């Protein structure tokens, strides 16, 4: 259970599902389909969805690469947090957005598994949140030519180690989209 006081609610984070991030991502369409299911379920149950958008030299604000993929549509009432670092909490308004909504349990989805997803999961646990990784709703690109494992192995390894992640008073874990329980 979260160590944050007065934070009984769950929330969904959709991290960096931008054209320039997922154009060559592993199982792109299936992952985006699962994120859509997750977002629809959250909306149907009155759970807040928070969108995270990365800004960098490769993802210049306003460019096509910077835009969210057209298959995912953010509603105007859903917060959009801009970031420049892997951890979505670093020098952003994410903490304030979550506090304002009473959110202490996070369901994390998006890209890239081995960068912003992992950084945000660890950042959440370190800050007192429960952080659940939606195991079939995150992806990454193939960086094996640089010595990284293939994307399927990066995703599987991240799911494996996060499934058992815990900290005092906080829980991690994984769940597949169809089994998400916000209660």
C-alpha atoms as a PDB file:
ATOM      1  CA  UNK A   1       0.000   0.000   0.000  1.00  0.00           C
ATOM      2  CA  UNK A   2       1.306   3.464  -0.843  1.00  0.00           C
ATOM      3  CA  UNK A   3       3.130   5.381   1.862  1.00  0.00           C
ATOM      4  CA  UNK A   4       1.524   8.620   0.677  1.00  0.00           C
ATOM      5  CA  UNK A   5      -1.174   9.943   2.994  1.00  0.00           C
ATOM      6  CA  UNK A   6      -4.635  10.724   1.635  1.00  0.00           C
ATOM      7  CA  UNK A   7      -3.858   9.089  -1.709  1.00  0.00           C
ATOM      8  CA  UNK A   8      -6.409   6.260  -1.978  1.00  0.00           C
ATOM      9  CA  UNK A   9      -6.999   6.527  -5.729  1.00  0.00           C
ATOM     10  CA  UNK A  10      -5.455   4.740  -8.688  1.00  0.00           C
ATOM     11  CA  UNK A  11      -4.308   6.461 -11.856  1.00  0.00           C
ATOM     12  CA  UNK A  12      -3.025   5.426 -15.276  1.00  0.00           C
ATOM     13  CA  UNK A  13       0.154   6.877 -16.768  1.00  0.00           C
ATOM     14  CA  UNK A  14       0.530   6.806 -20.558  1.00  0.00           C
ATOM     15  CA  UNK A  15       4.193   7.597 -21.183  1.00  0.00           C
ATOM     16  CA  UNK A  16       5.705   8.867 -24.447  1.00  0.00           C
ATOM     17  CA  UNK A  17       3.571   7.036 -27.015  1.00  0.00           C
ATOM     18  CA  UNK A  18       4.724   9.591 -29.553  1.00  0.00           C
ATOM     19  CA  UNK A  19       5.269   9.124 -33.288  1.00  0.00           C
ATOM     20  CA  UNK A  20       9.035   9.491 -33.011  1.00  0.00           C
ATOM     21  CA  UNK A  21       9.256   7.120 -30.059  1.00  0.00           C
ATOM     22  CA  UNK A  22       7.157   4.174 -31.219  1.00  0.00           C
ATOM     23  CA  UNK A  23       7.448   4.282 -35.018  1.00  0.00           C
ATOM     24  CA  UNK A  24       9.713   1.211 -34.979  1.00  0.00           C
ATOM     25  CA  UNK A  25       8.684  -0.221 -31.629  1.00  0.00           C
ATOM     26  CA  UNK A  26       8.258  -3.930 -30.959  1.00  0.00           C
ATOM     27  CA  UNK A  27       4.632  -5.044 -31.479  1.00  0.00           C
ATOM     28  CA  UNK A  28       3.652  -1.379 -31.804  1.00  0.00           C
ATOM     29  CA  UNK A  29       0.034  -1.893 -32.883  1.00  0.00           C
ATOM     30  CA  UNK A  30      -0.743  -4.562 -30.262  1.00  0.00           C
ATOM     31  CA  UNK A  31       0.739  -2.428 -27.482  1.00  0.00           C
ATOM     32  CA  UNK A  32      -1.182   0.661 -28.594  1.00  0.00           C
ATOM     33  CA  UNK A  33      -4.346  -1.475 -28.729  1.00  0.00           C
ATOM     34  CA  UNK A  34      -3.730  -2.569 -25.133  1.00  0.00           C
ATOM     35  CA  UNK A  35      -3.088   1.006 -24.031  1.00  0.00           C
ATOM     36  CA  UNK A  36      -6.396   2.004 -25.628  1.00  0.00           C
ATOM     37  CA  UNK A  37      -8.149  -0.807 -23.704  1.00  0.00           C
ATOM     38  CA  UNK A  38      -6.470   0.324 -20.486  1.00  0.00           C
ATOM     39  CA  UNK A  39      -7.466   3.955 -21.037  1.00  0.00           C
ATOM     40  CA  UNK A  40     -11.048   2.990 -21.926  1.00  0.00           C
ATOM     41  CA  UNK A  41     -11.320   0.835 -18.788  1.00  0.00           C
ATOM     42  CA  UNK A  42      -9.936   3.662 -16.625  1.00  0.00           C
ATOM     43  CA  UNK A  43     -12.347   6.185 -18.107  1.00  0.00           C
ATOM     44  CA  UNK A  44     -15.259   3.778 -17.666  1.00  0.00           C
ATOM     45  CA  UNK A  45     -14.419   3.373 -13.979  1.00  0.00           C
ATOM     46  CA  UNK A  46     -13.727   7.048 -13.297  1.00  0.00           C
ATOM     47  CA  UNK A  47      -9.976   6.508 -12.905  1.00  0.00           C
ATOM     48  CA  UNK A  48      -7.732   9.400 -13.901  1.00  0.00           C
ATOM     49  CA  UNK A  49      -5.533   9.043 -16.984  1.00  0.00           C
ATOM     50  CA  UNK A  50      -2.384  11.170 -17.054  1.00  0.00           C
ATOM     51  CA  UNK A  51      -0.463  11.583 -20.309  1.00  0.00           C
ATOM     52  CA  UNK A  52       3.299  12.140 -20.360  1.00  0.00           C
ATOM     53  CA  UNK A  53       5.062  13.677 -23.374  1.00  0.00           C
ATOM     54  CA  UNK A  54       8.821  13.769 -23.885  1.00  0.00           C
ATOM     55  CA  UNK A  55      10.647  16.808 -25.267  1.00  0.00           C
ATOM     56  CA  UNK A  56      14.193  16.536 -26.668  1.00  0.00           C
ATOM     57  CA  UNK A  57      16.341  17.405 -29.656  1.00  0.00           C
ATOM     58  CA  UNK A  58      14.820  14.415 -31.482  1.00  0.00           C
ATOM     59  CA  UNK A  59      11.295  15.217 -30.238  1.00  0.00           C
ATOM     60  CA  UNK A  60      11.017  18.950 -30.777  1.00  0.00           C
ATOM     61  CA  UNK A  61       7.850  20.481 -29.356  1.00  0.00           C
ATOM     62  CA  UNK A  62       5.201  20.737 -32.053  1.00  0.00           C
ATOM     63  CA  UNK A  63       6.954  18.442 -34.549  1.00  0.00           C
ATOM     64  CA  UNK A  64       5.288  15.357 -36.017  1.00  0.00           C
ATOM     65  CA  UNK A  65       7.721  13.119 -34.108  1.00  0.00           C
ATOM     66  CA  UNK A  66       6.691  14.838 -30.847  1.00  0.00           C
ATOM     67  CA  UNK A  67       2.942  14.279 -31.374  1.00  0.00           C
ATOM     68  CA  UNK A  68       1.126  11.411 -29.697  1.00  0.00           C
ATOM     69  CA  UNK A  69       0.223   8.584 -32.109  1.00  0.00           C
ATOM     70  CA  UNK A  70      -3.148   9.213 -33.751  1.00  0.00           C
ATOM     71  CA  UNK A  71      -4.593   5.946 -32.393  1.00  0.00           C
ATOM     72  CA  UNK A  72      -4.520   7.364 -28.849  1.00  0.00           C
ATOM     73  CA  UNK A  73      -6.736  10.343 -28.106  1.00  0.00           C
ATOM     74  CA  UNK A  74      -6.330  12.348 -24.919  1.00  0.00           C
ATOM     75  CA  UNK A  75      -9.437  14.059 -23.581  1.00  0.00           C
ATOM     76  CA  UNK A  76      -9.149  17.751 -22.715  1.00  0.00           C
ATOM     77  CA  UNK A  77      -9.827  17.077 -19.016  1.00  0.00           C
ATOM     78  CA  UNK A  78      -6.943  14.595 -18.832  1.00  0.00           C
ATOM     79  CA  UNK A  79      -3.651  16.159 -17.739  1.00  0.00           C
ATOM     80  CA  UNK A  80      -0.704  16.289 -20.132  1.00  0.00           C
ATOM     81  CA  UNK A  81       2.682  16.472 -18.403  1.00  0.00           C
ATOM     82  CA  UNK A  82       5.707  17.608 -20.398  1.00  0.00           C
ATOM     83  CA  UNK A  83       9.095  16.122 -19.496  1.00  0.00           C
ATOM     84  CA  UNK A  84      12.746  16.215 -20.519  1.00  0.00           C
ATOM     85  CA  UNK A  85      14.142  13.312 -18.462  1.00  0.00           C
ATOM     86  CA  UNK A  86      13.498   9.584 -18.366  1.00  0.00           C
ATOM     87  CA  UNK A  87      11.818   9.672 -14.959  1.00  0.00           C
ATOM     88  CA  UNK A  88       8.458  11.356 -15.528  1.00  0.00           C
ATOM     89  CA  UNK A  89       8.675  12.927 -12.044  1.00  0.00           C
ATOM     90  CA  UNK A  90      11.982  14.776 -12.618  1.00  0.00           C
ATOM     91  CA  UNK A  91      11.428  18.532 -12.980  1.00  0.00           C
ATOM     92  CA  UNK A  92       7.782  18.086 -14.026  1.00  0.00           C
ATOM     93  CA  UNK A  93       4.378  18.809 -12.547  1.00  0.00           C
ATOM     94  CA  UNK A  94       3.501  15.089 -12.327  1.00  0.00           C
ATOM     95  CA  UNK A  95       3.704  14.924  -8.529  1.00  0.00           C
ATOM     96  CA  UNK A  96       1.397  17.951  -8.183  1.00  0.00           C
ATOM     97  CA  UNK A  97      -1.077  16.490 -10.704  1.00  0.00           C
ATOM     98  CA  UNK A  98      -1.216  13.183  -8.820  1.00  0.00           C
ATOM     99  CA  UNK A  99      -1.463  14.837  -5.391  1.00  0.00           C
ATOM    100  CA  UNK A 100      -4.318  17.077  -6.542  1.00  0.00           C
ATOM    101  CA  UNK A 101      -6.246  13.977  -7.635  1.00  0.00           C
ATOM    102  CA  UNK A 102      -5.443  11.870  -4.546  1.00  0.00           C
ATOM    103  CA  UNK A 103      -3.569   9.266  -6.580  1.00  0.00           C
ATOM    104  CA  UNK A 104      -1.185   6.934  -4.744  1.00  0.00           C
ATOM    105  CA  UNK A 105      -1.352   3.828  -6.967  1.00  0.00           C
ATOM    106  CA  UNK A 106      -0.066   3.979 -10.527  1.00  0.00           C
ATOM    107  CA  UNK A 107      -0.641   1.727 -13.525  1.00  0.00           C
ATOM    108  CA  UNK A 108       2.195   2.421 -15.951  1.00  0.00           C
ATOM    109  CA  UNK A 109       2.093   1.998 -19.744  1.00  0.00           C
ATOM    110  CA  UNK A 110       3.888   3.390 -22.779  1.00  0.00           C
ATOM    111  CA  UNK A 111       7.450   3.572 -24.114  1.00  0.00           C
ATOM    112  CA  UNK A 112      10.404   3.015 -24.016  1.00  0.00           C
ATOM    113  CA  UNK A 113      10.534  -0.018 -21.722  1.00  0.00           C
ATOM    114  CA  UNK A 114      14.263   0.241 -21.034  1.00  0.00           C
ATOM    115  CA  UNK A 115      14.331   3.988 -20.555  1.00  0.00           C
ATOM    116  CA  UNK A 116      11.365   6.123 -19.510  1.00  0.00           C
ATOM    117  CA  UNK A 117       9.166   3.238 -18.316  1.00  0.00           C
ATOM    118  CA  UNK A 118      11.836   1.799 -16.011  1.00  0.00           C
ATOM    119  CA  UNK A 119      12.940   5.232 -14.813  1.00  0.00           C
ATOM    120  CA  UNK A 120       9.380   6.267 -13.981  1.00  0.00           C
ATOM    121  CA  UNK A 121       8.616   2.995 -12.190  1.00  0.00           C
ATOM    122  CA  UNK A 122      11.661   3.404  -9.970  1.00  0.00           C
ATOM    123  CA  UNK A 123      10.931   7.104  -9.489  1.00  0.00           C
ATOM    124  CA  UNK A 124       7.393   6.289  -8.379  1.00  0.00           C
ATOM    125  CA  UNK A 125       8.438   3.647  -5.834  1.00  0.00           C
ATOM    126  CA  UNK A 126      11.184   5.922  -4.464  1.00  0.00           C
ATOM    127  CA  UNK A 127       8.608   8.700  -3.970  1.00  0.00           C
ATOM    128  CA  UNK A 128       6.160   6.479  -2.060  1.00  0.00           C
ATOM    129  CA  UNK A 129       3.780   5.297  -4.793  1.00  0.00           C
ATOM    130  CA  UNK A 130       2.608   1.787  -5.521  1.00  0.00           C
ATOM    131  CA  UNK A 131       3.608   1.230  -9.147  1.00  0.00           C
ATOM    132  CA  UNK A 132       2.073  -1.512 -11.259  1.00  0.00           C
ATOM    133  CA  UNK A 133       3.541  -2.165 -14.714  1.00  0.00           C
ATOM    134  CA  UNK A 134       0.936  -3.148 -17.304  1.00  0.00           C
ATOM    135  CA  UNK A 135       2.955  -5.997 -18.786  1.00  0.00           C
ATOM    136  CA  UNK A 136       1.457  -6.028 -22.282  1.00  0.00           C
ATOM    137  CA  UNK A 137       1.080  -2.245 -22.612  1.00  0.00           C
ATOM    138  CA  UNK A 138       4.699  -1.113 -22.918  1.00  0.00           C
ATOM    139  CA  UNK A 139       7.273  -1.424 -25.676  1.00  0.00           C
ATOM    140  CA  UNK A 140      10.683  -0.408 -26.928  1.00  0.00           C
ATOM    141  CA  UNK A 141      12.693  -0.203 -30.128  1.00  0.00           C
ATOM    142  CA  UNK A 142      15.383  -2.646 -31.242  1.00  0.00           C
ATOM    143  CA  UNK A 143      18.784  -1.480 -29.994  1.00  0.00           C
ATOM    144  CA  UNK A 144      20.465  -4.883 -30.337  1.00  0.00           C
ATOM    145  CA  UNK A 145      22.949  -3.529 -32.897  1.00  0.00           C
ATOM    146  CA  UNK A 146      24.380  -1.494 -29.982  1.00  0.00           C
ATOM    147  CA  UNK A 147      24.670  -4.528 -27.712  1.00  0.00           C
ATOM    148  CA  UNK A 148      21.255  -4.412 -26.056  1.00  0.00           C
ATOM    149  CA  UNK A 149      19.059  -7.511 -25.939  1.00  0.00           C
ATOM    150  CA  UNK A 150      16.311  -7.734 -28.552  1.00  0.00           C
ATOM    151  CA  UNK A 151      13.111  -5.840 -27.632  1.00  0.00           C
ATOM    152  CA  UNK A 152      11.151  -8.980 -26.717  1.00  0.00           C
ATOM    153  CA  UNK A 153      13.847  -9.858 -24.170  1.00  0.00           C
ATOM    154  CA  UNK A 154      14.038  -6.307 -22.799  1.00  0.00           C
ATOM    155  CA  UNK A 155      10.268  -6.338 -22.271  1.00  0.00           C
ATOM    156  CA  UNK A 156      10.242  -9.848 -20.776  1.00  0.00           C
ATOM    157  CA  UNK A 157      13.122  -9.032 -18.411  1.00  0.00           C
ATOM    158  CA  UNK A 158      11.497  -5.801 -17.255  1.00  0.00           C
ATOM    159  CA  UNK A 159       8.216  -7.628 -16.618  1.00  0.00           C
ATOM    160  CA  UNK A 160      10.078 -10.361 -14.711  1.00  0.00           C
ATOM    161  CA  UNK A 161      11.998  -8.141 -12.337  1.00  0.00           C
ATOM    162  CA  UNK A 162       9.143  -5.664 -11.811  1.00  0.00           C
ATOM    163  CA  UNK A 163       6.712  -8.483 -11.005  1.00  0.00           C
ATOM    164  CA  UNK A 164       8.541  -8.992  -7.712  1.00  0.00           C
ATOM    165  CA  UNK A 165       9.560  -5.409  -6.976  1.00  0.00           C
ATOM    166  CA  UNK A 166       8.698  -4.164  -3.490  1.00  0.00           C
ATOM    167  CA  UNK A 167       9.824  -1.509  -1.028  1.00  0.00           C
ATOM    168  CA  UNK A 168       8.816  -0.817   2.587  1.00  0.00           C
ATOM    169  CA  UNK A 169       5.129   0.093   2.534  1.00  0.00           C
ATOM    170  CA  UNK A 170       4.994   0.075  -1.281  1.00  0.00           C
ATOM    171  CA  UNK A 171       4.319  -2.506  -3.939  1.00  0.00           C
ATOM    172  CA  UNK A 172       5.305  -2.967  -7.522  1.00  0.00           C
ATOM    173  CA  UNK A 173       4.137  -5.809  -9.678  1.00  0.00           C
ATOM    174  CA  UNK A 174       2.832  -6.536 -13.135  1.00  0.00           C
ATOM    175  CA  UNK A 175      -0.603  -7.186 -14.564  1.00  0.00           C
ATOM    176  CA  UNK A 176      -1.868  -7.741 -18.098  1.00  0.00           C
ATOM    177  CA  UNK A 177      -4.356  -5.278 -19.537  1.00  0.00           C
ATOM    178  CA  UNK A 178      -7.359  -7.613 -19.351  1.00  0.00           C
ATOM    179  CA  UNK A 179      -6.737  -8.272 -15.638  1.00  0.00           C
ATOM    180  CA  UNK A 180      -6.253  -4.686 -14.432  1.00  0.00           C
ATOM    181  CA  UNK A 181      -8.241  -4.040 -11.249  1.00  0.00           C
ATOM    182  CA  UNK A 182      -8.314  -0.395 -10.146  1.00  0.00           C
ATOM    183  CA  UNK A 183     -10.088  -1.128  -6.828  1.00  0.00           C
END
